[in-house]
Amino acid sequence: MVFPGMVLDKERTIGAISDAPPWSEFNLTDLGVIEAGPDSAVVTYCATASRTGNRYRALTSTAYARRDGGWRLLLHQQTPDADGD
């Protein structure tokens, strides 16, 4: 996963997700899907979310590959969108 100022490998990503409090609300807009072939795709969207009184908005892209009969996340990237409020 790629966030401002950091790149997390699989182990650190799982730890970060496990340690984070859940979002109390979220909204996804501007959803797009880019098919990169029969077994890969990139999903793009704008995410707005809140937790513990903090609001977060980001432009996001997530790459997936079809493996073993299901879709597997390859890469997730977020760019904060402070101008989107």
PDB file of N, CA and C in Angstrom:
ATOM      1  N   MET A   1       0.841  -1.168   0.000  1.00  0.00           N
ATOM      2  CA  MET A   1       0.000   0.000   0.000  1.00  0.00           C
ATOM      3  C   MET A   1       0.890   1.237   0.000  1.00  0.00           C
ATOM      4  N   VAL A   2       0.440   2.251  -0.722  1.00  0.00           N
ATOM      5  CA  VAL A   2       1.209   3.482  -0.852  1.00  0.00           C
ATOM      6  C   VAL A   2       0.375   4.636  -0.300  1.00  0.00           C
ATOM      7  N   PHE A   3       0.897   5.275   0.722  1.00  0.00           N
ATOM      8  CA  PHE A   3       0.269   6.427   1.354  1.00  0.00           C
ATOM      9  C   PHE A   3       1.276   7.575   1.338  1.00  0.00           C
ATOM     10  N   PRO A   4       0.819   8.804   1.532  1.00  0.00           N
ATOM     11  CA  PRO A   4       1.774   9.916   1.579  1.00  0.00           C
ATOM     12  C   PRO A   4       2.862   9.656   2.627  1.00  0.00           C
ATOM     13  N   GLY A   5       4.100   9.670   2.182  1.00  0.00           N
ATOM     14  CA  GLY A   5       5.221   9.508   3.097  1.00  0.00           C
ATOM     15  C   GLY A   5       5.563   8.090   3.482  1.00  0.00           C
ATOM     16  N   MET A   6       4.858   7.077   2.938  1.00  0.00           N
ATOM     17  CA  MET A   6       5.190   5.698   3.315  1.00  0.00           C
ATOM     18  C   MET A   6       4.711   4.689   2.285  1.00  0.00           C
ATOM     19  N   VAL A   7       5.458   3.617   2.206  1.00  0.00           N
ATOM     20  CA  VAL A   7       5.087   2.464   1.401  1.00  0.00           C
ATOM     21  C   VAL A   7       5.104   1.271   2.336  1.00  0.00           C
ATOM     22  N   LEU A   8       3.995   0.533   2.387  1.00  0.00           N
ATOM     23  CA  LEU A   8       3.888  -0.607   3.291  1.00  0.00           C
ATOM     24  C   LEU A   8       3.905  -1.911   2.513  1.00  0.00           C
ATOM     25  N   ASP A   9       4.681  -2.879   2.998  1.00  0.00           N
ATOM     26  CA  ASP A   9       4.646  -4.205   2.406  1.00  0.00           C
ATOM     27  C   ASP A   9       3.431  -4.950   2.962  1.00  0.00           C
ATOM     28  N   LYS A  10       3.228  -6.180   2.542  1.00  0.00           N
ATOM     29  CA  LYS A  10       2.040  -6.942   2.927  1.00  0.00           C
ATOM     30  C   LYS A  10       1.922  -7.080   4.448  1.00  0.00           C
ATOM     31  N   GLU A  11       2.993  -7.425   5.112  1.00  0.00           N
ATOM     32  CA  GLU A  11       2.966  -7.618   6.570  1.00  0.00           C
ATOM     33  C   GLU A  11       2.594  -6.325   7.309  1.00  0.00           C
ATOM     34  N   ARG A  12       3.218  -5.228   6.919  1.00  0.00           N
ATOM     35  CA  ARG A  12       2.935  -3.941   7.569  1.00  0.00           C
ATOM     36  C   ARG A  12       1.519  -3.444   7.238  1.00  0.00           C
ATOM     37  N   THR A  13       1.047  -3.737   6.029  1.00  0.00           N
ATOM     38  CA  THR A  13      -0.313  -3.359   5.652  1.00  0.00           C
ATOM     39  C   THR A  13      -1.329  -4.080   6.534  1.00  0.00           C
ATOM     40  N   ILE A  14      -1.166  -5.360   6.697  1.00  0.00           N
ATOM     41  CA  ILE A  14      -2.092  -6.139   7.536  1.00  0.00           C
ATOM     42  C   ILE A  14      -2.060  -5.618   8.967  1.00  0.00           C
ATOM     43  N   GLY A  15      -0.877  -5.304   9.494  1.00  0.00           N
ATOM     44  CA  GLY A  15      -0.776  -4.754  10.844  1.00  0.00           C
ATOM     45  C   GLY A  15      -1.457  -3.406  10.970  1.00  0.00           C
ATOM     46  N   ALA A  16      -1.274  -2.532   9.968  1.00  0.00           N
ATOM     47  CA  ALA A  16      -1.883  -1.200  10.006  1.00  0.00           C
ATOM     48  C   ALA A  16      -3.404  -1.293   9.968  1.00  0.00           C
ATOM     49  N   ILE A  17      -3.933  -2.175   9.139  1.00  0.00           N
ATOM     50  CA  ILE A  17      -5.382  -2.348   9.054  1.00  0.00           C
ATOM     51  C   ILE A  17      -5.924  -2.906  10.362  1.00  0.00           C
ATOM     52  N   SER A  18      -5.232  -3.867  10.933  1.00  0.00           N
ATOM     53  CA  SER A  18      -5.669  -4.479  12.192  1.00  0.00           C
ATOM     54  C   SER A  18      -5.665  -3.488  13.346  1.00  0.00           C
ATOM     55  N   ASP A  19      -4.704  -2.554  13.344  1.00  0.00           N
ATOM     56  CA  ASP A  19      -4.555  -1.603  14.441  1.00  0.00           C
ATOM     57  C   ASP A  19      -5.440  -0.367  14.320  1.00  0.00           C
ATOM     58  N   ALA A  20      -5.982  -0.099  13.142  1.00  0.00           N
ATOM     59  CA  ALA A  20      -6.748   1.133  12.919  1.00  0.00           C
ATOM     60  C   ALA A  20      -8.192   0.966  13.383  1.00  0.00           C
ATOM     61  N   PRO A  21      -8.754   2.001  14.003  1.00  0.00           N
ATOM     62  CA  PRO A  21     -10.178   1.930  14.344  1.00  0.00           C
ATOM     63  C   PRO A  21     -11.007   1.942  13.060  1.00  0.00           C
ATOM     64  N   PRO A  22     -12.181   1.334  13.075  1.00  0.00           N
ATOM     65  CA  PRO A  22     -12.992   1.299  11.860  1.00  0.00           C
ATOM     66  C   PRO A  22     -13.532   2.689  11.513  1.00  0.00           C
ATOM     67  N   TRP A  23     -13.806   2.899  10.233  1.00  0.00           N
ATOM     68  CA  TRP A  23     -14.442   4.135   9.800  1.00  0.00           C
ATOM     69  C   TRP A  23     -15.869   4.154  10.327  1.00  0.00           C
ATOM     70  N   SER A  24     -16.305   5.273  10.870  1.00  0.00           N
ATOM     71  CA  SER A  24     -17.685   5.385  11.339  1.00  0.00           C
ATOM     72  C   SER A  24     -18.634   5.650  10.176  1.00  0.00           C
ATOM     73  N   GLU A  25     -18.119   6.255   9.104  1.00  0.00           N
ATOM     74  CA  GLU A  25     -18.897   6.440   7.876  1.00  0.00           C
ATOM     75  C   GLU A  25     -17.933   6.631   6.717  1.00  0.00           C
ATOM     76  N   PHE A  26     -18.389   6.270   5.505  1.00  0.00           N
ATOM     77  CA  PHE A  26     -17.575   6.496   4.322  1.00  0.00           C
ATOM     78  C   PHE A  26     -18.476   6.590   3.099  1.00  0.00           C
ATOM     79  N   ASN A  27     -17.955   7.260   2.082  1.00  0.00           N
ATOM     80  CA  ASN A  27     -18.682   7.422   0.839  1.00  0.00           C
ATOM     81  C   ASN A  27     -17.681   7.320  -0.310  1.00  0.00           C
ATOM     82  N   LEU A  28     -18.023   6.559  -1.340  1.00  0.00           N
ATOM     83  CA  LEU A  28     -17.179   6.413  -2.519  1.00  0.00           C
ATOM     84  C   LEU A  28     -17.891   7.049  -3.700  1.00  0.00           C
ATOM     85  N   THR A  29     -17.176   7.930  -4.429  1.00  0.00           N
ATOM     86  CA  THR A  29     -17.751   8.573  -5.606  1.00  0.00           C
ATOM     87  C   THR A  29     -16.768   8.473  -6.766  1.00  0.00           C
ATOM     88  N   ASP A  30     -17.237   8.850  -7.936  1.00  0.00           N
ATOM     89  CA  ASP A  30     -16.402   8.877  -9.145  1.00  0.00           C
ATOM     90  C   ASP A  30     -15.733   7.534  -9.418  1.00  0.00           C
ATOM     91  N   LEU A  31     -16.484   6.468  -9.225  1.00  0.00           N
ATOM     92  CA  LEU A  31     -15.961   5.119  -9.420  1.00  0.00           C
ATOM     93  C   LEU A  31     -15.622   4.874 -10.882  1.00  0.00           C
ATOM     94  N   GLY A  32     -14.438   4.320 -11.104  1.00  0.00           N
ATOM     95  CA  GLY A  32     -14.016   3.934 -12.448  1.00  0.00           C
ATOM     96  C   GLY A  32     -13.332   2.582 -12.411  1.00  0.00           C
ATOM     97  N   VAL A  33     -13.470   1.832 -13.475  1.00  0.00           N
ATOM     98  CA  VAL A  33     -12.795   0.538 -13.591  1.00  0.00           C
ATOM     99  C   VAL A  33     -12.041   0.519 -14.913  1.00  0.00           C
ATOM    100  N   ILE A  34     -10.764   0.240 -14.832  1.00  0.00           N
ATOM    101  CA  ILE A  34      -9.922   0.134 -16.015  1.00  0.00           C
ATOM    102  C   ILE A  34      -9.510  -1.327 -16.154  1.00  0.00           C
ATOM    103  N   GLU A  35     -10.029  -1.987 -17.167  1.00  0.00           N
ATOM    104  CA  GLU A  35      -9.663  -3.381 -17.390  1.00  0.00           C
ATOM    105  C   GLU A  35      -8.316  -3.413 -18.095  1.00  0.00           C
ATOM    106  N   ALA A  36      -7.366  -4.080 -17.481  1.00  0.00           N
ATOM    107  CA  ALA A  36      -6.015  -4.149 -18.034  1.00  0.00           C
ATOM    108  C   ALA A  36      -5.772  -5.479 -18.737  1.00  0.00           C
ATOM    109  N   GLY A  37      -6.798  -6.268 -18.881  1.00  0.00           N
ATOM    110  CA  GLY A  37      -6.711  -7.585 -19.501  1.00  0.00           C
ATOM    111  C   GLY A  37      -7.747  -8.483 -18.858  1.00  0.00           C
ATOM    112  N   PRO A  38      -7.819  -9.731 -19.272  1.00  0.00           N
ATOM    113  CA  PRO A  38      -8.848 -10.621 -18.713  1.00  0.00           C
ATOM    114  C   PRO A  38      -8.640 -10.954 -17.233  1.00  0.00           C
ATOM    115  N   ASP A  39      -7.432 -10.775 -16.747  1.00  0.00           N
ATOM    116  CA  ASP A  39      -7.140 -11.159 -15.369  1.00  0.00           C
ATOM    117  C   ASP A  39      -6.574 -10.034 -14.522  1.00  0.00           C
ATOM    118  N   SER A  40      -6.800  -8.776 -14.927  1.00  0.00           N
ATOM    119  CA  SER A  40      -6.313  -7.657 -14.124  1.00  0.00           C
ATOM    120  C   SER A  40      -7.169  -6.424 -14.372  1.00  0.00           C
ATOM    121  N   ALA A  41      -7.277  -5.594 -13.336  1.00  0.00           N
ATOM    122  CA  ALA A  41      -8.066  -4.370 -13.424  1.00  0.00           C
ATOM    123  C   ALA A  41      -7.589  -3.386 -12.367  1.00  0.00           C
ATOM    124  N   VAL A  42      -7.868  -2.106 -12.627  1.00  0.00           N
ATOM    125  CA  VAL A  42      -7.597  -1.045 -11.663  1.00  0.00           C
ATOM    126  C   VAL A  42      -8.927  -0.362 -11.367  1.00  0.00           C
ATOM    127  N   VAL A  43      -9.229  -0.206 -10.091  1.00  0.00           N
ATOM    128  CA  VAL A  43     -10.431   0.491  -9.655  1.00  0.00           C
ATOM    129  C   VAL A  43      -9.999   1.849  -9.111  1.00  0.00           C
ATOM    130  N   THR A  44     -10.647   2.916  -9.582  1.00  0.00           N
ATOM    131  CA  THR A  44     -10.335   4.263  -9.115  1.00  0.00           C
ATOM    132  C   THR A  44     -11.590   4.866  -8.496  1.00  0.00           C
ATOM    133  N   TYR A  45     -11.403   5.706  -7.482  1.00  0.00           N
ATOM    134  CA  TYR A  45     -12.535   6.362  -6.844  1.00  0.00           C
ATOM    135  C   TYR A  45     -12.051   7.455  -5.909  1.00  0.00           C
ATOM    136  N   CYS A  46     -12.979   8.298  -5.510  1.00  0.00           N
ATOM    137  CA  CYS A  46     -12.731   9.292  -4.477  1.00  0.00           C
ATOM    138  C   CYS A  46     -13.403   8.786  -3.206  1.00  0.00           C
ATOM    139  N   ALA A  47     -12.659   8.687  -2.142  1.00  0.00           N
ATOM    140  CA  ALA A  47     -13.183   8.213  -0.861  1.00  0.00           C
ATOM    141  C   ALA A  47     -13.247   9.368   0.134  1.00  0.00           C
ATOM    142  N   THR A  48     -14.378   9.509   0.777  1.00  0.00           N
ATOM    143  CA  THR A  48     -14.533  10.450   1.879  1.00  0.00           C
ATOM    144  C   THR A  48     -14.974   9.633   3.083  1.00  0.00           C
ATOM    145  N   ALA A  49     -14.255   9.773   4.198  1.00  0.00           N
ATOM    146  CA  ALA A  49     -14.541   8.935   5.361  1.00  0.00           C
ATOM    147  C   ALA A  49     -14.307   9.717   6.648  1.00  0.00           C
ATOM    148  N   SER A  50     -14.925   9.228   7.719  1.00  0.00           N
ATOM    149  CA  SER A  50     -14.760   9.833   9.044  1.00  0.00           C
ATOM    150  C   SER A  50     -14.569   8.743  10.080  1.00  0.00           C
ATOM    151  N   ARG A  51     -13.754   9.069  11.088  1.00  0.00           N
ATOM    152  CA  ARG A  51     -13.617   8.220  12.275  1.00  0.00           C
ATOM    153  C   ARG A  51     -13.048   9.088  13.391  1.00  0.00           C
ATOM    154  N   THR A  52     -13.493   8.817  14.566  1.00  0.00           N
ATOM    155  CA  THR A  52     -13.064   9.549  15.770  1.00  0.00           C
ATOM    156  C   THR A  52     -13.038  11.059  15.549  1.00  0.00           C
ATOM    157  N   GLY A  53     -14.056  11.562  14.837  1.00  0.00           N
ATOM    158  CA  GLY A  53     -14.171  12.999  14.630  1.00  0.00           C
ATOM    159  C   GLY A  53     -13.308  13.583  13.541  1.00  0.00           C
ATOM    160  N   ASN A  54     -12.514  12.778  12.871  1.00  0.00           N
ATOM    161  CA  ASN A  54     -11.637  13.263  11.803  1.00  0.00           C
ATOM    162  C   ASN A  54     -12.197  12.873  10.440  1.00  0.00           C
ATOM    163  N   ARG A  55     -12.188  13.818   9.514  1.00  0.00           N
ATOM    164  CA  ARG A  55     -12.657  13.576   8.150  1.00  0.00           C
ATOM    165  C   ARG A  55     -11.445  13.417   7.237  1.00  0.00           C
ATOM    166  N   TYR A  56     -11.545  12.467   6.317  1.00  0.00           N
ATOM    167  CA  TYR A  56     -10.452  12.188   5.386  1.00  0.00           C
ATOM    168  C   TYR A  56     -11.034  12.053   3.992  1.00  0.00           C
ATOM    169  N   ARG A  57     -10.378  12.654   3.024  1.00  0.00           N
ATOM    170  CA  ARG A  57     -10.796  12.544   1.620  1.00  0.00           C
ATOM    171  C   ARG A  57      -9.558  12.212   0.797  1.00  0.00           C
ATOM    172  N   ALA A  58      -9.674  11.228  -0.081  1.00  0.00           N
ATOM    173  CA  ALA A  58      -8.522  10.811  -0.884  1.00  0.00           C
ATOM    174  C   ALA A  58      -8.963  10.352  -2.263  1.00  0.00           C
ATOM    175  N   LEU A  59      -8.081  10.577  -3.220  1.00  0.00           N
ATOM    176  CA  LEU A  59      -8.219   9.990  -4.545  1.00  0.00           C
ATOM    177  C   LEU A  59      -7.460   8.670  -4.496  1.00  0.00           C
ATOM    178  N   THR A  60      -8.112   7.611  -4.926  1.00  0.00           N
ATOM    179  CA  THR A  60      -7.606   6.276  -4.648  1.00  0.00           C
ATOM    180  C   THR A  60      -7.582   5.413  -5.907  1.00  0.00           C
ATOM    181  N   SER A  61      -6.578   4.560  -5.996  1.00  0.00           N
ATOM    182  CA  SER A  61      -6.545   3.546  -7.052  1.00  0.00           C
ATOM    183  C   SER A  61      -6.081   2.230  -6.438  1.00  0.00           C
ATOM    184  N   THR A  62      -6.715   1.165  -6.892  1.00  0.00           N
ATOM    185  CA  THR A  62      -6.394  -0.161  -6.390  1.00  0.00           C
ATOM    186  C   THR A  62      -6.293  -1.120  -7.574  1.00  0.00           C
ATOM    187  N   ALA A  63      -5.178  -1.825  -7.664  1.00  0.00           N
ATOM    188  CA  ALA A  63      -4.956  -2.783  -8.748  1.00  0.00           C
ATOM    189  C   ALA A  63      -5.232  -4.196  -8.240  1.00  0.00           C
ATOM    190  N   TYR A  64      -5.936  -4.964  -9.063  1.00  0.00           N
ATOM    191  CA  TYR A  64      -6.299  -6.335  -8.721  1.00  0.00           C
ATOM    192  C   TYR A  64      -5.868  -7.288  -9.831  1.00  0.00           C
ATOM    193  N   ALA A  65      -5.591  -8.538  -9.455  1.00  0.00           N
ATOM    194  CA  ALA A  65      -5.317  -9.603 -10.422  1.00  0.00           C
ATOM    195  C   ALA A  65      -6.152 -10.817 -10.036  1.00  0.00           C
ATOM    196  N   ARG A  66      -6.663 -11.517 -11.050  1.00  0.00           N
ATOM    197  CA  ARG A  66      -7.440 -12.735 -10.792  1.00  0.00           C
ATOM    198  C   ARG A  66      -6.457 -13.879 -10.570  1.00  0.00           C
ATOM    199  N   ARG A  67      -6.553 -14.491  -9.409  1.00  0.00           N
ATOM    200  CA  ARG A  67      -5.679 -15.610  -9.044  1.00  0.00           C
ATOM    201  C   ARG A  67      -6.498 -16.648  -8.281  1.00  0.00           C
ATOM    202  N   ASP A  68      -6.305 -17.907  -8.587  1.00  0.00           N
ATOM    203  CA  ASP A  68      -6.939 -18.999  -7.848  1.00  0.00           C
ATOM    204  C   ASP A  68      -8.445 -18.809  -7.721  1.00  0.00           C
ATOM    205  N   GLY A  69      -9.080 -18.356  -8.787  1.00  0.00           N
ATOM    206  CA  GLY A  69     -10.537 -18.235  -8.808  1.00  0.00           C
ATOM    207  C   GLY A  69     -11.105 -16.992  -8.137  1.00  0.00           C
ATOM    208  N   GLY A  70     -10.254 -16.066  -7.694  1.00  0.00           N
ATOM    209  CA  GLY A  70     -10.756 -14.852  -7.050  1.00  0.00           C
ATOM    210  C   GLY A  70      -9.867 -13.664  -7.374  1.00  0.00           C
ATOM    211  N   TRP A  71     -10.322 -12.491  -6.995  1.00  0.00           N
ATOM    212  CA  TRP A  71      -9.547 -11.272  -7.222  1.00  0.00           C
ATOM    213  C   TRP A  71      -8.644 -11.004  -6.037  1.00  0.00           C
ATOM    214  N   ARG A  72      -7.375 -10.732  -6.296  1.00  0.00           N
ATOM    215  CA  ARG A  72      -6.376 -10.459  -5.260  1.00  0.00           C
ATOM    216  C   ARG A  72      -5.853  -9.035  -5.420  1.00  0.00           C
ATOM    217  N   LEU A  73      -5.765  -8.328  -4.306  1.00  0.00           N
ATOM    218  CA  LEU A  73      -5.251  -6.973  -4.328  1.00  0.00           C
ATOM    219  C   LEU A  73      -3.749  -6.998  -4.581  1.00  0.00           C
ATOM    220  N   LEU A  74      -3.300  -6.232  -5.552  1.00  0.00           N
ATOM    221  CA  LEU A  74      -1.871  -6.125  -5.848  1.00  0.00           C
ATOM    222  C   LEU A  74      -1.261  -4.861  -5.259  1.00  0.00           C
ATOM    223  N   LEU A  75      -1.987  -3.734  -5.420  1.00  0.00           N
ATOM    224  CA  LEU A  75      -1.456  -2.446  -4.978  1.00  0.00           C
ATOM    225  C   LEU A  75      -2.609  -1.506  -4.694  1.00  0.00           C
ATOM    226  N   HIS A  76      -2.519  -0.790  -3.583  1.00  0.00           N
ATOM    227  CA  HIS A  76      -3.515   0.210  -3.216  1.00  0.00           C
ATOM    228  C   HIS A  76      -2.779   1.508  -2.946  1.00  0.00           C
ATOM    229  N   GLN A  77      -3.272   2.609  -3.555  1.00  0.00           N
ATOM    230  CA  GLN A  77      -2.589   3.909  -3.425  1.00  0.00           C
ATOM    231  C   GLN A  77      -3.619   4.979  -3.112  1.00  0.00           C
ATOM    232  N   GLN A  78      -3.273   5.895  -2.180  1.00  0.00           N
ATOM    233  CA  GLN A  78      -4.153   7.000  -1.812  1.00  0.00           C
ATOM    234  C   GLN A  78      -3.393   8.310  -1.895  1.00  0.00           C
ATOM    235  N   THR A  79      -4.057   9.308  -2.458  1.00  0.00           N
ATOM    236  CA  THR A  79      -3.529  10.675  -2.485  1.00  0.00           C
ATOM    237  C   THR A  79      -4.541  11.568  -1.783  1.00  0.00           C
ATOM    238  N   PRO A  80      -4.192  12.177  -0.644  1.00  0.00           N
ATOM    239  CA  PRO A  80      -5.139  13.054   0.049  1.00  0.00           C
ATOM    240  C   PRO A  80      -5.641  14.160  -0.874  1.00  0.00           C
ATOM    241  N   ASP A  81      -6.927  14.469  -0.766  1.00  0.00           N
ATOM    242  CA  ASP A  81      -7.562  15.493  -1.596  1.00  0.00           C
ATOM    243  C   ASP A  81      -8.110  16.589  -0.688  1.00  0.00           C
ATOM    244  N   ALA A  82      -7.232  17.430  -0.209  1.00  0.00           N
ATOM    245  CA  ALA A  82      -7.634  18.503   0.703  1.00  0.00           C
ATOM    246  C   ALA A  82      -8.507  19.527   0.004  1.00  0.00           C
ATOM    247  N   ASP A  83      -8.401  19.662  -1.316  1.00  0.00           N
ATOM    248  CA  ASP A  83      -9.180  20.650  -2.060  1.00  0.00           C
ATOM    249  C   ASP A  83     -10.587  20.179  -2.372  1.00  0.00           C
ATOM    250  N   GLY A  84     -10.907  18.941  -2.036  1.00  0.00           N
ATOM    251  CA  GLY A  84     -12.203  18.390  -2.414  1.00  0.00           C
ATOM    252  C   GLY A  84     -13.344  18.730  -1.493  1.00  0.00           C
ATOM    253  N   ASP A  85     -13.101  19.452  -0.421  1.00  0.00           N
ATOM    254  CA  ASP A  85     -14.183  19.774   0.522  1.00  0.00           C
ATOM    255  C   ASP A  85     -15.069  20.882   0.008  1.00  0.00           C
TER     256      ASP A  85
END
